[in-house]
PDB file of all heavy atoms in Angstrom:
ATOM      1  N   GLY A   1      -0.944  61.705   0.989  1.00  0.00           N
ATOM      2  CA  GLY A   1      -1.957  60.638   1.204  1.00  0.00           C
ATOM      3  C   GLY A   1      -1.489  59.346   1.012  1.00  0.00           C
ATOM      4  O   GLY A   1      -1.627  58.319   1.780  1.00  0.00           O
ATOM      5  N   GLY A   2      -0.610  59.162   0.005  1.00  0.00           N
ATOM      6  CA  GLY A   2       0.132  57.780  -0.340  1.00  0.00           C
ATOM      7  C   GLY A   2       1.031  57.406   0.779  1.00  0.00           C
ATOM      8  O   GLY A   2       1.059  56.302   1.158  1.00  0.00           O
ATOM      9  N   MET A   3       1.856  58.470   1.207  1.00  0.00           N
ATOM     10  CA  MET A   3       2.726  58.091   2.308  1.00  0.00           C
ATOM     11  C   MET A   3       2.021  57.829   3.672  1.00  0.00           C
ATOM     12  O   MET A   3       2.592  56.862   4.489  1.00  0.00           O
ATOM     13  CB  MET A   3       3.817  59.205   2.505  1.00  0.00           C
ATOM     14  CG  MET A   3       4.747  59.386   1.517  1.00  0.00           C
ATOM     15  SD  MET A   3       5.961  57.936   1.403  1.00  0.00           S
ATOM     16  CE  MET A   3       6.212  57.739  -0.345  1.00  0.00           C
ATOM     17  N   ARG A   4       0.933  58.522   3.867  1.00  0.00           N
ATOM     18  CA  ARG A   4       0.257  58.118   5.082  1.00  0.00           C
ATOM     19  C   ARG A   4      -0.404  56.669   5.053  1.00  0.00           C
ATOM     20  O   ARG A   4      -0.346  55.944   6.041  1.00  0.00           O
ATOM     21  CB  ARG A   4      -0.873  59.096   5.441  1.00  0.00           C
ATOM     22  CG  ARG A   4      -0.591  60.549   5.891  1.00  0.00           C
ATOM     23  CD  ARG A   4      -1.679  61.272   6.345  1.00  0.00           C
ATOM     24  NE  ARG A   4      -2.661  61.676   5.349  1.00  0.00           N
ATOM     25  CZ  ARG A   4      -2.609  62.764   4.665  1.00  0.00           C
ATOM     26  NH1 ARG A   4      -1.682  63.671   4.909  1.00  0.00           N
ATOM     27  NH2 ARG A   4      -3.574  63.154   3.788  1.00  0.00           N
ATOM     28  N   GLN A   5      -0.728  56.265   3.843  1.00  0.00           N
ATOM     29  CA  GLN A   5      -1.290  54.977   3.719  1.00  0.00           C
ATOM     30  C   GLN A   5      -0.152  54.056   3.964  1.00  0.00           C
ATOM     31  O   GLN A   5      -0.324  52.760   4.408  1.00  0.00           O
ATOM     32  CB  GLN A   5      -1.881  54.708   2.322  1.00  0.00           C
ATOM     33  CG  GLN A   5      -2.747  53.469   2.204  1.00  0.00           C
ATOM     34  CD  GLN A   5      -3.850  53.349   3.206  1.00  0.00           C
ATOM     35  OE1 GLN A   5      -3.810  53.312   4.380  1.00  0.00           O
ATOM     36  NE2 GLN A   5      -5.133  53.400   2.592  1.00  0.00           N
ATOM     37  N   ARG A   6       1.071  54.235   3.502  1.00  0.00           N
ATOM     38  CA  ARG A   6       2.172  53.427   3.778  1.00  0.00           C
ATOM     39  C   ARG A   6       2.473  53.332   5.279  1.00  0.00           C
ATOM     40  O   ARG A   6       2.859  52.304   5.725  1.00  0.00           O
ATOM     41  CB  ARG A   6       3.343  53.958   3.051  1.00  0.00           C
ATOM     42  CG  ARG A   6       3.328  53.784   1.374  1.00  0.00           C
ATOM     43  CD  ARG A   6       4.463  54.632   0.679  1.00  0.00           C
ATOM     44  NE  ARG A   6       4.296  54.426  -0.629  1.00  0.00           N
ATOM     45  CZ  ARG A   6       4.833  53.579  -1.382  1.00  0.00           C
ATOM     46  NH1 ARG A   6       5.653  52.604  -0.885  1.00  0.00           N
ATOM     47  NH2 ARG A   6       4.714  53.515  -2.733  1.00  0.00           N
ATOM     48  N   VAL A   7       2.404  54.446   6.019  1.00  0.00           N
ATOM     49  CA  VAL A   7       2.511  54.320   7.389  1.00  0.00           C
ATOM     50  C   VAL A   7       1.526  53.473   8.085  1.00  0.00           C
ATOM     51  O   VAL A   7       1.913  52.694   9.012  1.00  0.00           O
ATOM     52  CB  VAL A   7       2.490  55.773   8.024  1.00  0.00           C
ATOM     53  CG1 VAL A   7       2.438  55.724   9.522  1.00  0.00           C
ATOM     54  CG2 VAL A   7       3.682  56.787   7.612  1.00  0.00           C
ATOM     55  N   MET A   8       0.264  53.585   7.597  1.00  0.00           N
ATOM     56  CA  MET A   8      -0.798  52.587   8.061  1.00  0.00           C
ATOM     57  C   MET A   8      -0.382  51.125   7.791  1.00  0.00           C
ATOM     58  O   MET A   8      -0.634  50.297   8.701  1.00  0.00           O
ATOM     59  CB  MET A   8      -2.083  52.913   7.556  1.00  0.00           C
ATOM     60  CG  MET A   8      -2.802  54.130   7.989  1.00  0.00           C
ATOM     61  SD  MET A   8      -3.284  53.908   9.749  1.00  0.00           S
ATOM     62  CE  MET A   8      -4.354  52.401   9.523  1.00  0.00           C
ATOM     63  N   ILE A   9       0.177  50.830   6.695  1.00  0.00           N
ATOM     64  CA  ILE A   9       0.486  49.515   6.398  1.00  0.00           C
ATOM     65  C   ILE A   9       1.698  49.064   7.369  1.00  0.00           C
ATOM     66  O   ILE A   9       1.662  47.998   7.870  1.00  0.00           O
ATOM     67  CB  ILE A   9       0.941  49.396   4.846  1.00  0.00           C
ATOM     68  CG1 ILE A   9      -0.270  49.647   3.985  1.00  0.00           C
ATOM     69  CG2 ILE A   9       1.555  48.044   4.654  1.00  0.00           C
ATOM     70  CD1 ILE A   9      -0.070  49.710   2.487  1.00  0.00           C
ATOM     71  N   ALA A  10       2.607  49.955   7.607  1.00  0.00           N
ATOM     72  CA  ALA A  10       3.709  49.522   8.490  1.00  0.00           C
ATOM     73  C   ALA A  10       3.171  49.425   9.885  1.00  0.00           C
ATOM     74  O   ALA A  10       3.537  48.411  10.610  1.00  0.00           O
ATOM     75  CB  ALA A  10       4.760  50.670   8.535  1.00  0.00           C
ATOM     76  N   LEU A  11       2.234  50.159  10.222  1.00  0.00           N
ATOM     77  CA  LEU A  11       1.617  50.028  11.591  1.00  0.00           C
ATOM     78  C   LEU A  11       0.879  48.696  11.685  1.00  0.00           C
ATOM     79  O   LEU A  11       0.921  47.992  12.766  1.00  0.00           O
ATOM     80  CB  LEU A  11       0.619  51.074  11.885  1.00  0.00           C
ATOM     81  CG  LEU A  11      -0.013  51.277  13.161  1.00  0.00           C
ATOM     82  CD1 LEU A  11       1.093  51.328  14.320  1.00  0.00           C
ATOM     83  CD2 LEU A  11      -0.950  52.549  13.213  1.00  0.00           C
ATOM     84  N   ALA A  12       0.142  48.305  10.528  1.00  0.00           N
ATOM     85  CA  ALA A  12      -0.559  47.101  10.551  1.00  0.00           C
ATOM     86  C   ALA A  12       0.401  45.780  10.456  1.00  0.00           C
ATOM     87  O   ALA A  12       0.027  44.754  11.038  1.00  0.00           O
ATOM     88  CB  ALA A  12      -1.465  46.963   9.396  1.00  0.00           C
ATOM     89  N   LEU A  13       1.652  45.971   9.842  1.00  0.00           N
ATOM     90  CA  LEU A  13       2.517  44.898   9.735  1.00  0.00           C
ATOM     91  C   LEU A  13       3.593  44.733  10.832  1.00  0.00           C
ATOM     92  O   LEU A  13       4.301  43.643  10.854  1.00  0.00           O
ATOM     93  CB  LEU A  13       3.164  44.993   8.322  1.00  0.00           C
ATOM     94  CG  LEU A  13       2.315  44.823   7.157  1.00  0.00           C
ATOM     95  CD1 LEU A  13       3.118  45.020   5.904  1.00  0.00           C
ATOM     96  CD2 LEU A  13       1.566  43.574   7.080  1.00  0.00           C
ATOM     97  N   VAL A  14       3.844  45.796  11.650  1.00  0.00           N
ATOM     98  CA  VAL A  14       4.940  45.773  12.552  1.00  0.00           C
ATOM     99  C   VAL A  14       5.068  44.785  13.364  1.00  0.00           C
ATOM    100  O   VAL A  14       6.251  44.315  13.877  1.00  0.00           O
ATOM    101  CB  VAL A  14       5.118  47.198  13.165  1.00  0.00           C
ATOM    102  CG1 VAL A  14       4.013  47.314  14.244  1.00  0.00           C
ATOM    103  CG2 VAL A  14       6.399  47.380  13.665  1.00  0.00           C
ATOM    104  N   CYS A  15       3.981  44.163  13.912  1.00  0.00           N
ATOM    105  CA  CYS A  15       4.082  43.053  14.823  1.00  0.00           C
ATOM    106  C   CYS A  15       3.920  41.638  14.158  1.00  0.00           C
ATOM    107  O   CYS A  15       3.673  40.634  14.709  1.00  0.00           O
ATOM    108  CB  CYS A  15       2.887  43.102  15.787  1.00  0.00           C
ATOM    109  SG  CYS A  15       2.962  44.518  17.093  1.00  0.00           S
ATOM    110  N   ARG A  16       4.178  41.720  12.836  1.00  0.00           N
ATOM    111  CA  ARG A  16       4.051  40.429  11.960  1.00  0.00           C
ATOM    112  C   ARG A  16       2.897  39.575  12.186  1.00  0.00           C
ATOM    113  O   ARG A  16       2.937  38.320  12.616  1.00  0.00           O
ATOM    114  CB  ARG A  16       5.337  39.780  12.164  1.00  0.00           C
ATOM    115  CG  ARG A  16       6.642  40.451  12.035  1.00  0.00           C
ATOM    116  CD  ARG A  16       7.849  39.616  12.256  1.00  0.00           C
ATOM    117  NE  ARG A  16       9.174  40.241  11.932  1.00  0.00           N
ATOM    118  CZ  ARG A  16       9.859  40.934  12.876  1.00  0.00           C
ATOM    119  NH1 ARG A  16       9.602  40.884  14.104  1.00  0.00           N
ATOM    120  NH2 ARG A  16      10.996  41.583  12.497  1.00  0.00           N
ATOM    121  N   PRO A  17       1.687  40.173  11.879  1.00  0.00           N
ATOM    122  CA  PRO A  17       0.419  39.447  12.143  1.00  0.00           C
ATOM    123  C   PRO A  17       0.250  38.206  11.157  1.00  0.00           C
ATOM    124  O   PRO A  17       0.840  38.120   9.979  1.00  0.00           O
ATOM    125  CB  PRO A  17      -0.649  40.540  11.810  1.00  0.00           C
ATOM    126  CG  PRO A  17       0.006  41.337  10.809  1.00  0.00           C
ATOM    127  CD  PRO A  17       1.498  41.426  11.198  1.00  0.00           C
ATOM    128  N   LYS A  18      -0.586  37.275  11.653  1.00  0.00           N
ATOM    129  CA  LYS A  18      -0.917  36.131  10.788  1.00  0.00           C
ATOM    130  C   LYS A  18      -2.023  36.511   9.811  1.00  0.00           C
ATOM    131  O   LYS A  18      -2.013  35.849   8.666  1.00  0.00           O
ATOM    132  CB  LYS A  18      -1.482  34.977  11.647  1.00  0.00           C
ATOM    133  CG  LYS A  18      -0.526  34.354  12.625  1.00  0.00           C
ATOM    134  CD  LYS A  18       0.468  33.534  11.845  1.00  0.00           C
ATOM    135  CE  LYS A  18       1.404  32.704  12.765  1.00  0.00           C
ATOM    136  NZ  LYS A  18       0.595  31.622  13.614  1.00  0.00           N
ATOM    137  N   VAL A  19      -2.925  37.556  10.093  1.00  0.00           N
ATOM    138  CA  VAL A  19      -3.885  37.972   9.101  1.00  0.00           C
ATOM    139  C   VAL A  19      -3.847  39.403   9.074  1.00  0.00           C
ATOM    140  O   VAL A  19      -3.787  40.121  10.091  1.00  0.00           O
ATOM    141  CB  VAL A  19      -5.307  37.458   9.733  1.00  0.00           C
ATOM    142  CG1 VAL A  19      -6.373  38.091   8.869  1.00  0.00           C
ATOM    143  CG2 VAL A  19      -5.455  35.893   9.736  1.00  0.00           C
ATOM    144  N   LEU A  20      -3.973  39.808   7.809  1.00  0.00           N
ATOM    145  CA  LEU A  20      -4.006  41.261   7.504  1.00  0.00           C
ATOM    146  C   LEU A  20      -5.338  41.641   6.889  1.00  0.00           C
ATOM    147  O   LEU A  20      -5.725  40.982   5.839  1.00  0.00           O
ATOM    148  CB  LEU A  20      -2.943  41.769   6.681  1.00  0.00           C
ATOM    149  CG  LEU A  20      -2.907  43.219   6.323  1.00  0.00           C
ATOM    150  CD1 LEU A  20      -2.683  44.068   7.496  1.00  0.00           C
ATOM    151  CD2 LEU A  20      -1.903  43.400   5.135  1.00  0.00           C
ATOM    152  N   ILE A  21      -6.143  42.461   7.426  1.00  0.00           N
ATOM    153  CA  ILE A  21      -7.409  43.002   6.749  1.00  0.00           C
ATOM    154  C   ILE A  21      -7.275  44.346   6.268  1.00  0.00           C
ATOM    155  O   ILE A  21      -6.913  45.242   7.065  1.00  0.00           O
ATOM    156  CB  ILE A  21      -8.618  42.934   7.956  1.00  0.00           C
ATOM    157  CG1 ILE A  21      -8.760  41.598   8.571  1.00  0.00           C
ATOM    158  CG2 ILE A  21      -9.849  43.475   7.343  1.00  0.00           C
ATOM    159  CD1 ILE A  21      -9.763  41.592   9.626  1.00  0.00           C
ATOM    160  N   ALA A  22      -7.458  44.452   5.054  1.00  0.00           N
ATOM    161  CA  ALA A  22      -7.213  45.687   4.315  1.00  0.00           C
ATOM    162  C   ALA A  22      -8.557  46.214   3.781  1.00  0.00           C
ATOM    163  O   ALA A  22      -9.132  45.696   2.852  1.00  0.00           O
ATOM    164  CB  ALA A  22      -6.120  45.565   3.220  1.00  0.00           C
ATOM    165  N   ASP A  23      -9.049  47.254   4.455  1.00  0.00           N
ATOM    166  CA  ASP A  23     -10.292  47.809   4.177  1.00  0.00           C
ATOM    167  C   ASP A  23     -10.252  48.903   3.038  1.00  0.00           C
ATOM    168  O   ASP A  23      -9.796  50.151   3.539  1.00  0.00           O
ATOM    169  CB  ASP A  23     -11.165  48.326   5.327  1.00  0.00           C
ATOM    170  CG  ASP A  23     -12.611  48.678   5.091  1.00  0.00           C
ATOM    171  OD1 ASP A  23     -12.960  48.589   3.965  1.00  0.00           O
ATOM    172  OD2 ASP A  23     -13.223  49.146   6.087  1.00  0.00           O
ATOM    173  N   GLU A  24     -10.488  48.730   1.843  1.00  0.00           N
ATOM    174  CA  GLU A  24     -10.366  49.774   0.807  1.00  0.00           C
ATOM    175  C   GLU A  24      -8.951  50.473   0.824  1.00  0.00           C
ATOM    176  O   GLU A  24      -8.927  51.715   0.970  1.00  0.00           O
ATOM    177  CB  GLU A  24     -11.411  50.778   0.964  1.00  0.00           C
ATOM    178  CG  GLU A  24     -12.784  50.140   0.660  1.00  0.00           C
ATOM    179  CD  GLU A  24     -13.302  49.935  -0.744  1.00  0.00           C
ATOM    180  OE1 GLU A  24     -12.392  50.157  -1.575  1.00  0.00           O
ATOM    181  OE2 GLU A  24     -14.540  49.779  -0.933  1.00  0.00           O
ATOM    182  N   PRO A  25      -7.898  49.735   0.863  1.00  0.00           N
ATOM    183  CA  PRO A  25      -6.559  50.414   1.182  1.00  0.00           C
ATOM    184  C   PRO A  25      -6.046  51.352   0.101  1.00  0.00           C
ATOM    185  O   PRO A  25      -5.176  52.129   0.337  1.00  0.00           O
ATOM    186  CB  PRO A  25      -5.602  49.209   1.243  1.00  0.00           C
ATOM    187  CG  PRO A  25      -6.182  48.159   0.393  1.00  0.00           C
ATOM    188  CD  PRO A  25      -7.687  48.333   0.467  1.00  0.00           C
ATOM    189  N   THR A  26      -6.738  51.358  -0.928  1.00  0.00           N
ATOM    190  CA  THR A  26      -6.271  52.276  -2.211  1.00  0.00           C
ATOM    191  C   THR A  26      -7.277  53.334  -2.445  1.00  0.00           C
ATOM    192  O   THR A  26      -7.150  54.137  -3.384  1.00  0.00           O
ATOM    193  CB  THR A  26      -6.064  51.582  -3.409  1.00  0.00           C
ATOM    194  OG1 THR A  26      -7.116  50.757  -3.892  1.00  0.00           O
ATOM    195  CG2 THR A  26      -4.823  50.504  -3.109  1.00  0.00           C
ATOM    196  N   THR A  27      -8.456  53.477  -1.697  1.00  0.00           N
ATOM    197  CA  THR A  27      -9.489  54.452  -1.893  1.00  0.00           C
ATOM    198  C   THR A  27      -8.857  55.851  -1.833  1.00  0.00           C
ATOM    199  O   THR A  27      -8.067  56.107  -0.884  1.00  0.00           O
ATOM    200  CB  THR A  27     -10.546  54.402  -0.914  1.00  0.00           C
ATOM    201  OG1 THR A  27     -11.154  53.100  -1.137  1.00  0.00           O
ATOM    202  CG2 THR A  27     -11.609  55.351  -1.019  1.00  0.00           C
TER     203      THR A  27
END
């Protein structure tokens, strides 16, 4: 579960966005 969440973070960051929305990222 923790590694899948890391993959999600990589997916959200890979295009170097200006804004990151994290919806309950540690639930």
